[in-house]
Amino acid sequence: YNFLDISEGDTLTVVGSGRDWDHLGEGHDILTYAWYDDTDTLLCEDVCGSSITVAAADLGAGKHEIYFSVQDNEGNWSKEVSLDVHVYEVLHQIFMPLSAPVP
């Protein structure tokens, strides 16, 4: 079970890997990496790599799941794995000066 707590001001970097156990097909074993969240939003632009970096503020406060899977050179996708991320809202402290009433 993978779970991570971060605040909105943090940056999240996640690294994943996959392996093609049958070694069939031409070229590299793993061709495509996919990173997406629980709203099916792709978390990388154009071509995904084996890692992503996301600003926690871009996810927003609350609970999120980040999913990762790889595709081999035969077009087969791996079973996805997930990471639960809880983004905490940054709370700012405000101070008010206190003074005694003027008589």
C-alpha atoms as a PDB file:
ATOM      1  CA  TYR A   1       0.000   0.000   0.000  1.00  0.00           C
ATOM      2  CA  ASN A   2       1.559   3.276  -1.134  1.00  0.00           C
ATOM      3  CA  PHE A   3       0.460   6.502   0.563  1.00  0.00           C
ATOM      4  CA  LEU A   4       2.072   9.946   0.664  1.00  0.00           C
ATOM      5  CA  ASP A   5       1.159  13.196   2.466  1.00  0.00           C
ATOM      6  CA  ILE A   6       2.336  16.498   0.958  1.00  0.00           C
ATOM      7  CA  SER A   7       1.299  20.140   1.197  1.00  0.00           C
ATOM      8  CA  GLU A   8       0.153  22.382  -1.663  1.00  0.00           C
ATOM      9  CA  GLY A   9       3.513  24.154  -1.686  1.00  0.00           C
ATOM     10  CA  ASP A  10       5.442  20.933  -2.377  1.00  0.00           C
ATOM     11  CA  THR A  11       6.606  19.394  -5.628  1.00  0.00           C
ATOM     12  CA  LEU A  12       6.053  15.674  -6.146  1.00  0.00           C
ATOM     13  CA  THR A  13       8.505  13.551  -8.149  1.00  0.00           C
ATOM     14  CA  VAL A  14       7.581   9.921  -8.769  1.00  0.00           C
ATOM     15  CA  VAL A  15       9.782   7.349 -10.518  1.00  0.00           C
ATOM     16  CA  GLY A  16       8.510   4.075 -11.973  1.00  0.00           C
ATOM     17  CA  SER A  17       9.946   1.193 -13.944  1.00  0.00           C
ATOM     18  CA  GLY A  18       8.696  -1.784 -15.879  1.00  0.00           C
ATOM     19  CA  ARG A  19      10.134  -4.872 -17.460  1.00  0.00           C
ATOM     20  CA  ASP A  20       9.174  -6.949 -20.485  1.00  0.00           C
ATOM     21  CA  TRP A  21       9.693 -10.503 -19.282  1.00  0.00           C
ATOM     22  CA  ASP A  22       9.122 -12.265 -22.612  1.00  0.00           C
ATOM     23  CA  HIS A  23      11.671 -10.152 -24.588  1.00  0.00           C
ATOM     24  CA  LEU A  24       9.723 -10.718 -27.815  1.00  0.00           C
ATOM     25  CA  GLY A  25       9.409  -8.141 -30.581  1.00  0.00           C
ATOM     26  CA  GLU A  26      11.821  -5.658 -32.112  1.00  0.00           C
ATOM     27  CA  GLY A  27      13.781  -2.928 -30.377  1.00  0.00           C
ATOM     28  CA  HIS A  28      13.509  -1.737 -26.800  1.00  0.00           C
ATOM     29  CA  ASP A  29      11.427  -3.809 -24.413  1.00  0.00           C
ATOM     30  CA  ILE A  30       9.442  -0.894 -22.910  1.00  0.00           C
ATOM     31  CA  LEU A  31       8.201   1.676 -25.423  1.00  0.00           C
ATOM     32  CA  THR A  32       5.621   3.749 -23.576  1.00  0.00           C
ATOM     33  CA  TYR A  33       5.157   5.002 -20.023  1.00  0.00           C
ATOM     34  CA  ALA A  34       1.792   6.339 -18.827  1.00  0.00           C
ATOM     35  CA  TRP A  35       1.164   8.478 -15.735  1.00  0.00           C
ATOM     36  CA  TYR A  36      -2.352   9.664 -14.967  1.00  0.00           C
ATOM     37  CA  ASP A  37      -4.509  10.627 -12.029  1.00  0.00           C
ATOM     38  CA  ASP A  38      -7.894   9.507 -10.737  1.00  0.00           C
ATOM     39  CA  THR A  39      -9.664  11.879 -13.159  1.00  0.00           C
ATOM     40  CA  ASP A  40      -7.908  10.146 -16.103  1.00  0.00           C
ATOM     41  CA  THR A  41      -5.800  13.251 -16.686  1.00  0.00           C
ATOM     42  CA  LEU A  42      -2.412  12.480 -18.209  1.00  0.00           C
ATOM     43  CA  LEU A  43       0.246  13.911 -15.888  1.00  0.00           C
ATOM     44  CA  CYS A  44       2.942  14.438 -18.520  1.00  0.00           C
ATOM     45  CA  GLU A  45       2.997  16.323 -21.787  1.00  0.00           C
ATOM     46  CA  ASP A  46       3.456  14.585 -25.149  1.00  0.00           C
ATOM     47  CA  VAL A  47       5.690  11.610 -24.331  1.00  0.00           C
ATOM     48  CA  CYS A  48       5.845  10.315 -20.766  1.00  0.00           C
ATOM     49  CA  GLY A  49       9.100   9.026 -19.309  1.00  0.00           C
ATOM     50  CA  SER A  50       9.877   6.790 -16.382  1.00  0.00           C
ATOM     51  CA  SER A  51       9.379   9.703 -13.961  1.00  0.00           C
ATOM     52  CA  ILE A  52       7.106  12.700 -13.514  1.00  0.00           C
ATOM     53  CA  THR A  53       7.311  15.883 -11.500  1.00  0.00           C
ATOM     54  CA  VAL A  54       4.047  17.559 -10.529  1.00  0.00           C
ATOM     55  CA  ALA A  55       3.389  20.642  -8.428  1.00  0.00           C
ATOM     56  CA  ALA A  56       1.068  19.609  -5.604  1.00  0.00           C
ATOM     57  CA  ALA A  57      -0.894  22.820  -6.184  1.00  0.00           C
ATOM     58  CA  ASP A  58      -1.716  21.542  -9.705  1.00  0.00           C
ATOM     59  CA  LEU A  59      -3.357  18.488  -8.150  1.00  0.00           C
ATOM     60  CA  GLY A  60      -5.222  20.622  -5.605  1.00  0.00           C
ATOM     61  CA  ALA A  61      -5.998  19.959  -1.972  1.00  0.00           C
ATOM     62  CA  GLY A  62      -7.535  16.568  -1.218  1.00  0.00           C
ATOM     63  CA  LYS A  63      -6.957  12.867  -1.881  1.00  0.00           C
ATOM     64  CA  HIS A  64      -5.623  11.774  -5.261  1.00  0.00           C
ATOM     65  CA  GLU A  65      -4.452   8.545  -6.851  1.00  0.00           C
ATOM     66  CA  ILE A  66      -1.608   8.528  -9.335  1.00  0.00           C
ATOM     67  CA  TYR A  67      -1.457   5.549 -11.691  1.00  0.00           C
ATOM     68  CA  PHE A  68       1.507   4.200 -13.643  1.00  0.00           C
ATOM     69  CA  SER A  69       1.748   1.570 -16.361  1.00  0.00           C
ATOM     70  CA  VAL A  70       4.109   0.645 -19.191  1.00  0.00           C
ATOM     71  CA  GLN A  71       3.635  -0.728 -22.700  1.00  0.00           C
ATOM     72  CA  ASP A  72       6.028  -3.206 -24.262  1.00  0.00           C
ATOM     73  CA  ASN A  73       7.175  -3.429 -27.881  1.00  0.00           C
ATOM     74  CA  GLU A  74       4.327  -5.835 -28.708  1.00  0.00           C
ATOM     75  CA  GLY A  75       1.691  -3.310 -27.588  1.00  0.00           C
ATOM     76  CA  ASN A  76       0.840  -5.052 -24.307  1.00  0.00           C
ATOM     77  CA  TRP A  77       0.133  -2.820 -21.302  1.00  0.00           C
ATOM     78  CA  SER A  78       1.196  -3.780 -17.800  1.00  0.00           C
ATOM     79  CA  LYS A  79      -1.156  -3.920 -14.882  1.00  0.00           C
ATOM     80  CA  GLU A  80      -1.286  -0.419 -13.400  1.00  0.00           C
ATOM     81  CA  VAL A  81       0.139   0.395 -10.014  1.00  0.00           C
ATOM     82  CA  SER A  82      -1.017   3.341  -7.953  1.00  0.00           C
ATOM     83  CA  LEU A  83       0.135   5.781  -5.319  1.00  0.00           C
ATOM     84  CA  ASP A  84      -2.331   7.503  -2.984  1.00  0.00           C
ATOM     85  CA  VAL A  85      -1.412  11.141  -2.429  1.00  0.00           C
ATOM     86  CA  HIS A  86      -3.082  13.421   0.099  1.00  0.00           C
ATOM     87  CA  VAL A  87      -2.415  17.086  -0.628  1.00  0.00           C
ATOM     88  CA  TYR A  88      -2.931  19.287   2.398  1.00  0.00           C
ATOM     89  CA  GLU A  89      -4.024  22.873   1.972  1.00  0.00           C
ATOM     90  CA  VAL A  90      -1.397  25.366   3.070  1.00  0.00           C
ATOM     91  CA  LEU A  91      -2.789  27.298   6.008  1.00  0.00           C
ATOM     92  CA  HIS A  92      -1.436  30.772   6.524  1.00  0.00           C
ATOM     93  CA  GLN A  93      -1.131  32.302   9.930  1.00  0.00           C
ATOM     94  CA  ILE A  94      -2.520  35.769  10.463  1.00  0.00           C
ATOM     95  CA  PHE A  95      -1.556  37.784  13.488  1.00  0.00           C
ATOM     96  CA  MET A  96      -3.620  40.624  14.879  1.00  0.00           C
ATOM     97  CA  PRO A  97      -2.022  43.048  17.280  1.00  0.00           C
ATOM     98  CA  LEU A  98      -3.852  43.220  20.568  1.00  0.00           C
ATOM     99  CA  SER A  99      -4.149  46.437  22.476  1.00  0.00           C
ATOM    100  CA  ALA A 100      -5.830  47.520  25.650  1.00  0.00           C
ATOM    101  CA  PRO A 101      -8.862  49.797  25.266  1.00  0.00           C
ATOM    102  CA  VAL A 102      -8.068  53.469  25.545  1.00  0.00           C
ATOM    103  CA  PRO A 103      -9.864  55.011  28.594  1.00  0.00           C
END
